[in-house]
Amino acid sequence: MKLNDRGLLVVISGPSGVGKGTVRKALFNMPNHNLVYSVSMTTRKIRPGEVDGRDYYFVSKEEFENRIKEGKFLEYAEFVGNYYGTPLDKVNENLDRGNEVVLEIEVEGAQQVKKKMPNCVSIFLVPPGKQALYDRLRHRGTESEEIIEQRVQKANREFKKAKYYDYIVVNDEVNNAADRIMAIIRAEHAKTERSIHKYMELIGEDEE
């Protein structure tokens, strides 16, 4: 039994190339959960194997900028000439249904989310070492050396932002990282600040 009816907003963030998408997929493959993935919107080109509406909503720059003006994003950021953002309406709909909404977003976007929804659970995913991250970026084979170097420099700046997150999880092995994140989600539901109101109702007492 959950003592808080509203779902948790779980933010999984970290440097580009750390394996956020892989860990998120492993998390969703675990049994007995009510996790909902919040699909982000982007103006970048679709990559081989990606599916519109599953991996991202792929839209034009014009459409994205119109949505910014209308205040339809929980967060958004621009990197290497492309926008990335989280549709606000979908997030709130799922939280109200009691689902755990998982955002897999860049560090800049995560900082915006924490300002707008300070009650979110923020998790900074890190590699076991910097070299592992650099190797992963270069072995993707989907971007030019210039773009890769930009991502490396950006990652170096982002490592310093870990102190602003609620939790740090090392992605030394994908399933281990997913297990740690699931443990965090379960523990967060038991936090007094999230559950005290329902608990007092349960035992028929008023809060002092």
N, C-alpha and C. Protein backbone atom coordinates (compact mmCIF):
# COMPACT_ATOMS: atom_id res chain seq x y z
N MET A 1 0.84 -1.20 0.00
CA MET A 1 0.00 0.00 0.00
C MET A 1 0.87 1.25 0.00
N LYS A 2 0.61 2.19 -0.93
CA LYS A 2 1.33 3.45 -0.96
C LYS A 2 0.62 4.47 -0.07
N LEU A 3 1.41 5.24 0.67
CA LEU A 3 0.83 6.26 1.54
C LEU A 3 0.74 7.61 0.87
N ASN A 4 1.15 7.70 -0.38
CA ASN A 4 0.93 8.93 -1.15
C ASN A 4 0.39 8.54 -2.52
N ASP A 5 -0.74 9.14 -2.89
CA ASP A 5 -1.44 8.75 -4.10
C ASP A 5 -0.80 9.28 -5.37
N ARG A 6 -0.19 10.45 -5.29
CA ARG A 6 0.42 11.04 -6.48
C ARG A 6 1.74 10.36 -6.77
N GLY A 7 2.02 10.18 -8.04
CA GLY A 7 3.25 9.53 -8.43
C GLY A 7 4.47 10.41 -8.20
N LEU A 8 5.64 9.82 -8.36
CA LEU A 8 6.89 10.55 -8.21
C LEU A 8 7.41 10.97 -9.59
N LEU A 9 7.99 12.15 -9.64
CA LEU A 9 8.70 12.59 -10.84
C LEU A 9 10.17 12.24 -10.62
N VAL A 10 10.68 11.29 -11.39
CA VAL A 10 12.04 10.79 -11.24
C VAL A 10 12.90 11.29 -12.40
N VAL A 11 13.90 12.08 -12.08
CA VAL A 11 14.76 12.68 -13.10
C VAL A 11 16.08 11.93 -13.15
N ILE A 12 16.33 11.26 -14.28
CA ILE A 12 17.60 10.58 -14.50
C ILE A 12 18.42 11.44 -15.45
N SER A 13 19.54 11.92 -14.97
CA SER A 13 20.35 12.84 -15.75
C SER A 13 21.81 12.47 -15.65
N GLY A 14 22.65 13.21 -16.38
CA GLY A 14 24.08 12.93 -16.36
C GLY A 14 24.69 13.32 -17.69
N PRO A 15 26.00 13.24 -17.79
CA PRO A 15 26.69 13.64 -19.02
C PRO A 15 26.27 12.80 -20.22
N SER A 16 26.35 13.40 -21.40
CA SER A 16 26.06 12.68 -22.63
C SER A 16 27.01 11.49 -22.76
N GLY A 17 26.46 10.32 -23.08
CA GLY A 17 27.28 9.14 -23.25
C GLY A 17 27.41 8.26 -22.03
N VAL A 18 26.78 8.66 -20.92
CA VAL A 18 26.91 7.89 -19.68
C VAL A 18 26.04 6.64 -19.69
N GLY A 19 25.10 6.56 -20.62
CA GLY A 19 24.24 5.38 -20.71
C GLY A 19 22.87 5.57 -20.09
N LYS A 20 22.37 6.79 -20.09
CA LYS A 20 21.06 7.07 -19.49
C LYS A 20 19.96 6.24 -20.14
N GLY A 21 19.95 6.19 -21.47
CA GLY A 21 18.91 5.45 -22.17
C GLY A 21 18.96 3.96 -21.90
N THR A 22 20.15 3.40 -21.85
CA THR A 22 20.31 1.96 -21.60
C THR A 22 19.86 1.60 -20.20
N VAL A 23 20.23 2.42 -19.22
CA VAL A 23 19.83 2.15 -17.84
C VAL A 23 18.32 2.31 -17.69
N ARG A 24 17.77 3.34 -18.34
CA ARG A 24 16.32 3.55 -18.27
C ARG A 24 15.56 2.35 -18.83
N LYS A 25 16.03 1.79 -19.93
CA LYS A 25 15.37 0.63 -20.52
C LYS A 25 15.45 -0.57 -19.58
N ALA A 26 16.61 -0.77 -18.93
CA ALA A 26 16.76 -1.87 -17.97
C ALA A 26 15.82 -1.68 -16.79
N LEU A 27 15.64 -0.44 -16.36
CA LEU A 27 14.73 -0.12 -15.26
C LEU A 27 13.29 -0.50 -15.62
N PHE A 28 12.90 -0.19 -16.85
CA PHE A 28 11.53 -0.48 -17.29
C PHE A 28 11.31 -1.97 -17.55
N ASN A 29 12.38 -2.72 -17.72
CA ASN A 29 12.26 -4.17 -17.92
C ASN A 29 12.08 -4.92 -16.61
N MET A 30 12.24 -4.22 -15.49
CA MET A 30 12.07 -4.87 -14.18
C MET A 30 10.58 -5.14 -13.95
N PRO A 31 10.25 -6.23 -13.23
CA PRO A 31 8.84 -6.58 -13.01
C PRO A 31 8.16 -5.71 -11.94
N ASN A 32 6.84 -5.70 -11.99
CA ASN A 32 6.01 -5.10 -10.94
C ASN A 32 6.31 -3.63 -10.66
N HIS A 33 6.12 -2.82 -11.68
CA HIS A 33 6.32 -1.39 -11.48
C HIS A 33 5.22 -0.62 -12.20
N ASN A 34 5.08 0.65 -11.86
CA ASN A 34 4.14 1.51 -12.56
C ASN A 34 4.88 2.73 -13.11
N LEU A 35 6.04 2.47 -13.68
CA LEU A 35 6.86 3.51 -14.28
C LEU A 35 6.30 3.90 -15.65
N VAL A 36 6.33 5.20 -15.91
CA VAL A 36 5.93 5.72 -17.21
C VAL A 36 7.06 6.59 -17.73
N TYR A 37 7.50 6.32 -18.93
CA TYR A 37 8.59 7.10 -19.52
C TYR A 37 8.03 8.37 -20.16
N SER A 38 8.57 9.49 -19.76
CA SER A 38 8.16 10.76 -20.35
C SER A 38 8.98 10.98 -21.62
N VAL A 39 8.33 10.85 -22.76
CA VAL A 39 9.02 10.99 -24.04
C VAL A 39 9.31 12.47 -24.29
N SER A 40 10.58 12.78 -24.54
CA SER A 40 10.98 14.16 -24.80
C SER A 40 10.72 14.54 -26.25
N MET A 41 10.74 15.84 -26.49
CA MET A 41 10.58 16.37 -27.84
C MET A 41 11.91 16.96 -28.28
N THR A 42 12.25 16.80 -29.55
CA THR A 42 13.52 17.32 -30.05
C THR A 42 13.40 17.77 -31.50
N THR A 43 14.32 18.65 -31.88
CA THR A 43 14.39 19.08 -33.28
C THR A 43 15.54 18.41 -34.02
N ARG A 44 16.29 17.55 -33.33
CA ARG A 44 17.39 16.88 -34.03
C ARG A 44 16.86 15.79 -34.95
N LYS A 45 17.70 15.36 -35.88
CA LYS A 45 17.29 14.33 -36.84
C LYS A 45 17.19 12.98 -36.14
N ILE A 46 16.26 12.18 -36.63
CA ILE A 46 16.08 10.85 -36.08
C ILE A 46 17.28 9.96 -36.44
N ARG A 47 17.72 9.13 -35.47
CA ARG A 47 18.86 8.23 -35.69
C ARG A 47 18.35 6.85 -36.09
N PRO A 48 19.21 6.05 -36.73
CA PRO A 48 18.80 4.69 -37.12
C PRO A 48 18.33 3.90 -35.90
N GLY A 49 17.18 3.26 -36.03
CA GLY A 49 16.63 2.45 -34.95
C GLY A 49 15.68 3.19 -34.04
N GLU A 50 15.66 4.52 -34.10
CA GLU A 50 14.74 5.30 -33.26
C GLU A 50 13.35 5.35 -33.89
N VAL A 51 12.36 5.49 -33.03
CA VAL A 51 10.97 5.54 -33.48
C VAL A 51 10.32 6.82 -32.94
N ASP A 52 9.69 7.58 -33.83
CA ASP A 52 9.01 8.81 -33.43
C ASP A 52 7.87 8.48 -32.47
N GLY A 53 7.84 9.18 -31.33
CA GLY A 53 6.81 8.94 -30.34
C GLY A 53 7.19 7.92 -29.30
N ARG A 54 8.24 7.15 -29.55
CA ARG A 54 8.74 6.19 -28.57
C ARG A 54 10.04 6.69 -27.95
N ASP A 55 11.01 7.05 -28.79
CA ASP A 55 12.30 7.54 -28.31
C ASP A 55 12.25 9.05 -28.08
N TYR A 56 11.68 9.76 -29.02
CA TYR A 56 11.47 11.20 -28.95
C TYR A 56 10.26 11.54 -29.81
N TYR A 57 9.71 12.73 -29.58
CA TYR A 57 8.81 13.33 -30.55
C TYR A 57 9.69 14.23 -31.42
N PHE A 58 9.82 13.91 -32.68
CA PHE A 58 10.68 14.67 -33.59
C PHE A 58 9.84 15.74 -34.28
N VAL A 59 10.19 17.01 -34.04
CA VAL A 59 9.41 18.11 -34.60
C VAL A 59 10.35 19.13 -35.24
N SER A 60 9.77 20.06 -35.97
CA SER A 60 10.55 21.12 -36.59
C SER A 60 10.94 22.17 -35.55
N LYS A 61 11.94 22.96 -35.87
CA LYS A 61 12.38 24.02 -34.97
C LYS A 61 11.26 25.05 -34.76
N GLU A 62 10.52 25.33 -35.82
CA GLU A 62 9.42 26.29 -35.73
C GLU A 62 8.35 25.83 -34.75
N GLU A 63 7.97 24.55 -34.86
CA GLU A 63 6.95 24.02 -33.96
C GLU A 63 7.44 24.03 -32.52
N PHE A 64 8.69 23.68 -32.31
CA PHE A 64 9.24 23.66 -30.95
C PHE A 64 9.22 25.07 -30.34
N GLU A 65 9.65 26.05 -31.12
CA GLU A 65 9.70 27.43 -30.61
C GLU A 65 8.30 27.98 -30.31
N ASN A 66 7.31 27.55 -31.08
CA ASN A 66 5.93 27.94 -30.79
C ASN A 66 5.47 27.37 -29.45
N ARG A 67 5.88 26.14 -29.17
CA ARG A 67 5.52 25.51 -27.91
C ARG A 67 6.21 26.19 -26.72
N ILE A 68 7.43 26.68 -26.95
CA ILE A 68 8.12 27.43 -25.89
C ILE A 68 7.32 28.68 -25.54
N LYS A 69 6.88 29.41 -26.56
CA LYS A 69 6.12 30.65 -26.35
C LYS A 69 4.82 30.38 -25.61
N GLU A 70 4.24 29.21 -25.83
CA GLU A 70 2.97 28.85 -25.20
C GLU A 70 3.15 28.24 -23.81
N GLY A 71 4.41 28.12 -23.35
CA GLY A 71 4.69 27.58 -22.01
C GLY A 71 4.35 26.11 -21.85
N LYS A 72 4.55 25.34 -22.91
CA LYS A 72 4.13 23.93 -22.88
C LYS A 72 5.23 22.95 -22.48
N PHE A 73 6.37 23.47 -22.01
CA PHE A 73 7.46 22.58 -21.61
C PHE A 73 7.74 22.69 -20.11
N LEU A 74 7.99 21.54 -19.49
CA LEU A 74 8.48 21.52 -18.12
C LEU A 74 9.91 22.03 -18.10
N GLU A 75 10.66 21.68 -19.11
CA GLU A 75 12.03 22.13 -19.30
C GLU A 75 12.37 22.02 -20.76
N TYR A 76 13.36 22.80 -21.18
CA TYR A 76 13.90 22.64 -22.52
C TYR A 76 15.30 23.22 -22.56
N ALA A 77 16.07 22.76 -23.53
CA ALA A 77 17.44 23.22 -23.67
C ALA A 77 17.82 23.16 -25.15
N GLU A 78 18.86 23.90 -25.49
CA GLU A 78 19.39 23.86 -26.85
C GLU A 78 20.84 23.43 -26.80
N PHE A 79 21.19 22.46 -27.64
CA PHE A 79 22.58 22.00 -27.69
C PHE A 79 22.93 21.59 -29.11
N VAL A 80 24.08 22.03 -29.58
CA VAL A 80 24.58 21.73 -30.93
C VAL A 80 23.51 22.03 -31.98
N GLY A 81 22.82 23.16 -31.78
CA GLY A 81 21.85 23.62 -32.77
C GLY A 81 20.50 22.96 -32.72
N ASN A 82 20.24 22.09 -31.73
CA ASN A 82 18.95 21.42 -31.62
C ASN A 82 18.32 21.65 -30.25
N TYR A 83 16.98 21.68 -30.24
CA TYR A 83 16.23 21.81 -28.99
C TYR A 83 15.87 20.43 -28.45
N TYR A 84 15.78 20.35 -27.12
CA TYR A 84 15.28 19.16 -26.43
C TYR A 84 14.36 19.65 -25.32
N GLY A 85 13.19 19.02 -25.14
CA GLY A 85 12.29 19.50 -24.10
C GLY A 85 11.31 18.44 -23.63
N THR A 86 10.69 18.69 -22.46
CA THR A 86 9.74 17.76 -21.85
C THR A 86 8.34 18.36 -21.86
N PRO A 87 7.38 17.76 -22.58
CA PRO A 87 5.99 18.27 -22.60
C PRO A 87 5.36 18.23 -21.20
N LEU A 88 4.93 19.36 -20.71
CA LEU A 88 4.43 19.49 -19.34
C LEU A 88 3.11 18.76 -19.10
N ASP A 89 2.19 18.83 -20.06
CA ASP A 89 0.87 18.25 -19.85
C ASP A 89 0.92 16.75 -19.62
N LYS A 90 1.76 16.05 -20.37
CA LYS A 90 1.86 14.60 -20.24
C LYS A 90 2.41 14.20 -18.87
N VAL A 91 3.35 14.97 -18.36
CA VAL A 91 3.93 14.68 -17.05
C VAL A 91 2.88 14.77 -15.96
N ASN A 92 2.13 15.86 -15.93
CA ASN A 92 1.12 16.05 -14.88
C ASN A 92 -0.02 15.03 -14.95
N GLU A 93 -0.40 14.67 -16.16
CA GLU A 93 -1.45 13.67 -16.33
C GLU A 93 -1.06 12.35 -15.67
N ASN A 94 0.15 11.93 -15.90
CA ASN A 94 0.61 10.65 -15.35
C ASN A 94 0.85 10.71 -13.85
N LEU A 95 1.37 11.82 -13.35
CA LEU A 95 1.56 11.96 -11.90
C LEU A 95 0.22 11.90 -11.18
N ASP A 96 -0.79 12.53 -11.74
CA ASP A 96 -2.13 12.52 -11.13
C ASP A 96 -2.73 11.12 -11.11
N ARG A 97 -2.32 10.28 -12.04
CA ARG A 97 -2.82 8.90 -12.08
C ARG A 97 -2.08 8.00 -11.09
N GLY A 98 -1.06 8.55 -10.42
CA GLY A 98 -0.29 7.76 -9.47
C GLY A 98 0.90 7.04 -10.08
N ASN A 99 1.22 7.35 -11.33
CA ASN A 99 2.36 6.72 -11.99
C ASN A 99 3.67 7.41 -11.61
N GLU A 100 4.75 6.66 -11.64
CA GLU A 100 6.08 7.24 -11.47
C GLU A 100 6.54 7.69 -12.86
N VAL A 101 6.73 8.97 -13.04
CA VAL A 101 7.12 9.51 -14.33
C VAL A 101 8.64 9.66 -14.38
N VAL A 102 9.26 8.98 -15.31
CA VAL A 102 10.72 8.99 -15.43
C VAL A 102 11.14 9.91 -16.57
N LEU A 103 11.95 10.91 -16.23
CA LEU A 103 12.53 11.79 -17.24
C LEU A 103 13.99 11.41 -17.43
N GLU A 104 14.37 11.24 -18.66
CA GLU A 104 15.78 10.97 -19.00
C GLU A 104 16.25 12.20 -19.78
N ILE A 105 16.92 13.12 -19.09
CA ILE A 105 17.20 14.42 -19.68
C ILE A 105 18.62 14.89 -19.43
N GLU A 106 19.01 15.92 -20.18
CA GLU A 106 20.33 16.51 -20.04
C GLU A 106 20.42 17.31 -18.72
N VAL A 107 21.64 17.61 -18.32
CA VAL A 107 21.88 18.27 -17.04
C VAL A 107 21.22 19.64 -16.97
N GLU A 108 21.30 20.42 -18.02
CA GLU A 108 20.70 21.75 -18.02
C GLU A 108 19.19 21.66 -17.80
N GLY A 109 18.56 20.70 -18.47
CA GLY A 109 17.12 20.51 -18.31
C GLY A 109 16.75 20.06 -16.91
N ALA A 110 17.59 19.21 -16.31
CA ALA A 110 17.32 18.72 -14.96
C ALA A 110 17.31 19.86 -13.95
N GLN A 111 18.18 20.83 -14.15
CA GLN A 111 18.22 21.98 -13.24
C GLN A 111 16.93 22.80 -13.35
N GLN A 112 16.39 22.92 -14.55
CA GLN A 112 15.11 23.62 -14.74
C GLN A 112 13.98 22.89 -14.03
N VAL A 113 13.98 21.56 -14.14
CA VAL A 113 12.92 20.76 -13.52
C VAL A 113 12.95 20.92 -12.01
N LYS A 114 14.13 20.89 -11.41
CA LYS A 114 14.24 21.02 -9.95
C LYS A 114 13.72 22.38 -9.47
N LYS A 115 13.86 23.41 -10.29
CA LYS A 115 13.35 24.72 -9.91
C LYS A 115 11.82 24.75 -9.98
N LYS A 116 11.25 24.10 -11.00
CA LYS A 116 9.79 24.11 -11.18
C LYS A 116 9.09 23.08 -10.32
N MET A 117 9.74 21.93 -10.11
CA MET A 117 9.17 20.86 -9.29
C MET A 117 10.21 20.38 -8.28
N PRO A 118 10.43 21.16 -7.21
CA PRO A 118 11.47 20.82 -6.23
C PRO A 118 11.25 19.50 -5.51
N ASN A 119 10.03 18.97 -5.58
CA ASN A 119 9.74 17.69 -4.93
C ASN A 119 10.13 16.48 -5.77
N CYS A 120 10.71 16.72 -6.93
CA CYS A 120 11.11 15.61 -7.80
C CYS A 120 12.29 14.86 -7.17
N VAL A 121 12.54 13.66 -7.67
CA VAL A 121 13.68 12.85 -7.23
C VAL A 121 14.73 12.92 -8.32
N SER A 122 15.84 13.58 -8.04
CA SER A 122 16.86 13.78 -9.07
C SER A 122 18.04 12.83 -8.87
N ILE A 123 18.39 12.14 -9.94
CA ILE A 123 19.45 11.12 -9.91
C ILE A 123 20.50 11.46 -10.96
N PHE A 124 21.73 11.58 -10.53
CA PHE A 124 22.85 11.88 -11.44
C PHE A 124 23.57 10.57 -11.75
N LEU A 125 23.51 10.17 -13.01
CA LEU A 125 24.14 8.92 -13.44
C LEU A 125 25.56 9.22 -13.91
N VAL A 126 26.52 8.50 -13.37
CA VAL A 126 27.93 8.74 -13.71
C VAL A 126 28.60 7.46 -14.19
N PRO A 127 29.64 7.58 -15.01
CA PRO A 127 30.39 6.40 -15.45
C PRO A 127 31.39 6.00 -14.38
N PRO A 128 31.94 4.79 -14.44
CA PRO A 128 32.96 4.39 -13.46
C PRO A 128 34.25 5.18 -13.60
N GLY A 129 34.41 5.90 -14.71
CA GLY A 129 35.59 6.74 -14.92
C GLY A 129 35.39 7.60 -16.14
N LYS A 130 36.12 8.70 -16.23
CA LYS A 130 35.95 9.62 -17.36
C LYS A 130 36.31 8.95 -18.68
N GLN A 131 37.35 8.12 -18.69
CA GLN A 131 37.78 7.50 -19.95
C GLN A 131 36.69 6.61 -20.52
N ALA A 132 35.94 5.94 -19.66
CA ALA A 132 34.84 5.08 -20.11
C ALA A 132 33.80 5.91 -20.86
N LEU A 133 33.57 7.13 -20.38
CA LEU A 133 32.61 8.01 -21.03
C LEU A 133 33.13 8.46 -22.39
N TYR A 134 34.40 8.87 -22.44
CA TYR A 134 34.98 9.33 -23.70
C TYR A 134 34.95 8.22 -24.76
N ASP A 135 35.29 7.01 -24.34
CA ASP A 135 35.29 5.87 -25.27
C ASP A 135 33.88 5.61 -25.80
N ARG A 136 32.90 5.70 -24.93
CA ARG A 136 31.51 5.45 -25.33
C ARG A 136 31.06 6.48 -26.37
N LEU A 137 31.39 7.75 -26.16
CA LEU A 137 31.01 8.79 -27.11
C LEU A 137 31.64 8.54 -28.48
N ARG A 138 32.89 8.14 -28.50
CA ARG A 138 33.59 7.96 -29.77
C ARG A 138 33.14 6.69 -30.51
N HIS A 139 32.67 5.69 -29.76
CA HIS A 139 32.27 4.42 -30.38
C HIS A 139 30.83 4.42 -30.86
N ARG A 140 30.10 5.51 -30.62
CA ARG A 140 28.72 5.59 -31.12
C ARG A 140 28.68 5.52 -32.65
N GLY A 141 29.59 6.23 -33.27
CA GLY A 141 29.66 6.22 -34.74
C GLY A 141 28.56 6.98 -35.42
N THR A 142 27.86 7.85 -34.69
CA THR A 142 26.73 8.58 -35.29
C THR A 142 27.02 10.07 -35.44
N GLU A 143 28.15 10.54 -34.95
CA GLU A 143 28.43 11.97 -34.96
C GLU A 143 29.85 12.26 -35.41
N SER A 144 30.07 13.46 -35.88
CA SER A 144 31.39 13.87 -36.35
C SER A 144 32.33 14.07 -35.16
N GLU A 145 33.64 14.11 -35.45
CA GLU A 145 34.63 14.31 -34.40
C GLU A 145 34.43 15.65 -33.71
N GLU A 146 34.01 16.65 -34.49
CA GLU A 146 33.78 17.98 -33.92
C GLU A 146 32.66 17.96 -32.88
N ILE A 147 31.57 17.27 -33.22
CA ILE A 147 30.43 17.16 -32.29
C ILE A 147 30.84 16.35 -31.06
N ILE A 148 31.59 15.28 -31.28
CA ILE A 148 32.04 14.45 -30.16
C ILE A 148 32.88 15.28 -29.19
N GLU A 149 33.78 16.10 -29.73
CA GLU A 149 34.63 16.93 -28.88
C GLU A 149 33.80 17.94 -28.09
N GLN A 150 32.75 18.47 -28.71
CA GLN A 150 31.85 19.37 -27.98
C GLN A 150 31.17 18.65 -26.83
N ARG A 151 30.77 17.41 -27.07
CA ARG A 151 30.11 16.63 -26.03
C ARG A 151 31.08 16.30 -24.89
N VAL A 152 32.33 16.03 -25.23
CA VAL A 152 33.35 15.74 -24.21
C VAL A 152 33.56 16.96 -23.32
N GLN A 153 33.70 18.12 -23.93
CA GLN A 153 33.89 19.35 -23.16
C GLN A 153 32.67 19.65 -22.29
N LYS A 154 31.49 19.41 -22.84
CA LYS A 154 30.26 19.63 -22.08
C LYS A 154 30.19 18.66 -20.89
N ALA A 155 30.57 17.41 -21.12
CA ALA A 155 30.56 16.41 -20.04
C ALA A 155 31.49 16.82 -18.90
N ASN A 156 32.66 17.35 -19.25
CA ASN A 156 33.60 17.80 -18.23
C ASN A 156 33.01 18.89 -17.33
N ARG A 157 32.21 19.76 -17.94
CA ARG A 157 31.55 20.81 -17.15
C ARG A 157 30.42 20.21 -16.29
N GLU A 158 29.74 19.23 -16.84
CA GLU A 158 28.57 18.67 -16.16
C GLU A 158 28.94 17.80 -14.97
N PHE A 159 30.11 17.17 -14.97
CA PHE A 159 30.53 16.34 -13.84
C PHE A 159 30.47 17.15 -12.54
N LYS A 160 30.72 18.43 -12.62
CA LYS A 160 30.76 19.28 -11.43
C LYS A 160 29.38 19.60 -10.88
N LYS A 161 28.33 19.26 -11.64
CA LYS A 161 26.95 19.58 -11.22
C LYS A 161 26.34 18.49 -10.36
N ALA A 162 27.07 17.40 -10.14
CA ALA A 162 26.52 16.27 -9.38
C ALA A 162 26.04 16.68 -7.99
N LYS A 163 26.68 17.67 -7.38
CA LYS A 163 26.34 18.07 -6.01
C LYS A 163 24.94 18.64 -5.88
N TYR A 164 24.31 18.99 -6.99
CA TYR A 164 22.97 19.57 -6.95
C TYR A 164 21.86 18.51 -7.00
N TYR A 165 22.22 17.24 -7.11
CA TYR A 165 21.25 16.15 -7.24
C TYR A 165 21.00 15.47 -5.90
N ASP A 166 19.85 14.80 -5.80
CA ASP A 166 19.52 14.07 -4.58
C ASP A 166 20.36 12.80 -4.43
N TYR A 167 20.65 12.16 -5.56
CA TYR A 167 21.38 10.89 -5.53
C TYR A 167 22.40 10.83 -6.67
N ILE A 168 23.47 10.07 -6.44
CA ILE A 168 24.44 9.77 -7.49
C ILE A 168 24.49 8.25 -7.65
N VAL A 169 24.30 7.79 -8.88
CA VAL A 169 24.34 6.35 -9.17
C VAL A 169 25.43 6.09 -10.21
N VAL A 170 26.31 5.16 -9.90
CA VAL A 170 27.40 4.80 -10.81
C VAL A 170 26.91 3.73 -11.78
N ASN A 171 27.05 3.98 -13.06
CA ASN A 171 26.67 3.00 -14.08
C ASN A 171 27.87 2.12 -14.40
N ASP A 172 28.23 1.29 -13.42
CA ASP A 172 29.32 0.34 -13.63
C ASP A 172 28.84 -0.89 -14.39
N GLU A 173 27.57 -1.23 -14.16
CA GLU A 173 26.92 -2.34 -14.86
C GLU A 173 25.44 -1.98 -14.95
N VAL A 174 24.86 -2.12 -16.11
CA VAL A 174 23.53 -1.58 -16.38
C VAL A 174 22.47 -2.07 -15.40
N ASN A 175 22.37 -3.37 -15.18
CA ASN A 175 21.33 -3.90 -14.30
C ASN A 175 21.55 -3.48 -12.85
N ASN A 176 22.80 -3.36 -12.43
CA ASN A 176 23.08 -2.88 -11.08
C ASN A 176 22.60 -1.44 -10.91
N ALA A 177 22.87 -0.61 -11.91
CA ALA A 177 22.44 0.79 -11.86
C ALA A 177 20.91 0.87 -11.80
N ALA A 178 20.23 0.05 -12.59
CA ALA A 178 18.76 0.04 -12.58
C ALA A 178 18.22 -0.41 -11.22
N ASP A 179 18.85 -1.41 -10.60
CA ASP A 179 18.45 -1.87 -9.27
C ASP A 179 18.57 -0.75 -8.24
N ARG A 180 19.66 0.01 -8.33
CA ARG A 180 19.87 1.11 -7.38
C ARG A 180 18.79 2.19 -7.54
N ILE A 181 18.45 2.49 -8.77
CA ILE A 181 17.42 3.50 -9.01
C ILE A 181 16.06 3.04 -8.51
N MET A 182 15.72 1.77 -8.73
CA MET A 182 14.45 1.25 -8.22
C MET A 182 14.40 1.30 -6.70
N ALA A 183 15.53 1.01 -6.05
CA ALA A 183 15.58 1.08 -4.59
C ALA A 183 15.36 2.52 -4.10
N ILE A 184 15.89 3.47 -4.84
CA ILE A 184 15.69 4.89 -4.50
C ILE A 184 14.21 5.26 -4.59
N ILE A 185 13.56 4.82 -5.66
CA ILE A 185 12.14 5.14 -5.85
C ILE A 185 11.30 4.58 -4.71
N ARG A 186 11.56 3.34 -4.33
CA ARG A 186 10.78 2.72 -3.24
C ARG A 186 11.03 3.44 -1.92
N ALA A 187 12.27 3.82 -1.67
CA ALA A 187 12.60 4.51 -0.43
C ALA A 187 11.94 5.89 -0.38
N GLU A 188 11.90 6.57 -1.52
CA GLU A 188 11.30 7.91 -1.56
C GLU A 188 9.82 7.88 -1.20
N HIS A 189 9.13 6.82 -1.59
CA HIS A 189 7.70 6.72 -1.26
C HIS A 189 7.48 6.60 0.24
N ALA A 190 8.47 6.10 0.96
CA ALA A 190 8.33 5.92 2.41
C ALA A 190 8.78 7.14 3.20
N LYS A 191 9.29 8.17 2.53
CA LYS A 191 9.71 9.38 3.23
C LYS A 191 8.53 10.00 3.97
N THR A 192 8.76 10.42 5.19
CA THR A 192 7.70 10.99 6.01
C THR A 192 7.03 12.19 5.32
N GLU A 193 7.82 13.05 4.72
CA GLU A 193 7.25 14.26 4.11
C GLU A 193 6.29 13.93 2.98
N ARG A 194 6.44 12.77 2.35
CA ARG A 194 5.54 12.37 1.27
C ARG A 194 4.33 11.59 1.78
N SER A 195 4.47 10.94 2.92
CA SER A 195 3.44 9.98 3.35
C SER A 195 2.69 10.35 4.62
N ILE A 196 3.10 11.40 5.33
CA ILE A 196 2.52 11.68 6.64
C ILE A 196 1.03 12.01 6.57
N HIS A 197 0.59 12.73 5.54
CA HIS A 197 -0.83 13.11 5.46
C HIS A 197 -1.73 11.88 5.33
N LYS A 198 -1.37 10.97 4.44
CA LYS A 198 -2.17 9.76 4.24
C LYS A 198 -2.11 8.87 5.49
N TYR A 199 -0.95 8.84 6.13
CA TYR A 199 -0.79 8.01 7.33
C TYR A 199 -1.71 8.50 8.45
N MET A 200 -1.77 9.81 8.64
CA MET A 200 -2.61 10.35 9.71
C MET A 200 -4.09 10.08 9.42
N GLU A 201 -4.47 10.13 8.15
CA GLU A 201 -5.84 9.78 7.78
C GLU A 201 -6.11 8.31 8.07
N LEU A 202 -5.11 7.48 7.80
CA LEU A 202 -5.24 6.04 7.98
C LEU A 202 -5.51 5.66 9.43
N ILE A 203 -4.83 6.35 10.35
CA ILE A 203 -4.98 6.01 11.75
C ILE A 203 -6.04 6.88 12.44
N GLY A 204 -6.68 7.76 11.64
CA GLY A 204 -7.77 8.57 12.18
C GLY A 204 -7.33 9.64 13.14
N GLU A 205 -6.17 10.20 12.90
CA GLU A 205 -5.64 11.26 13.76
C GLU A 205 -5.42 12.52 12.94
N ASP A 206 -5.49 13.66 13.65
CA ASP A 206 -5.17 14.94 13.03
C ASP A 206 -3.69 15.24 13.22
N GLU A 207 -3.11 15.92 12.24
CA GLU A 207 -1.71 16.32 12.39
C GLU A 207 -1.61 17.46 13.38
N GLU A 208 -0.59 17.40 14.23
CA GLU A 208 -0.39 18.45 15.23
C GLU A 208 0.47 19.57 14.63
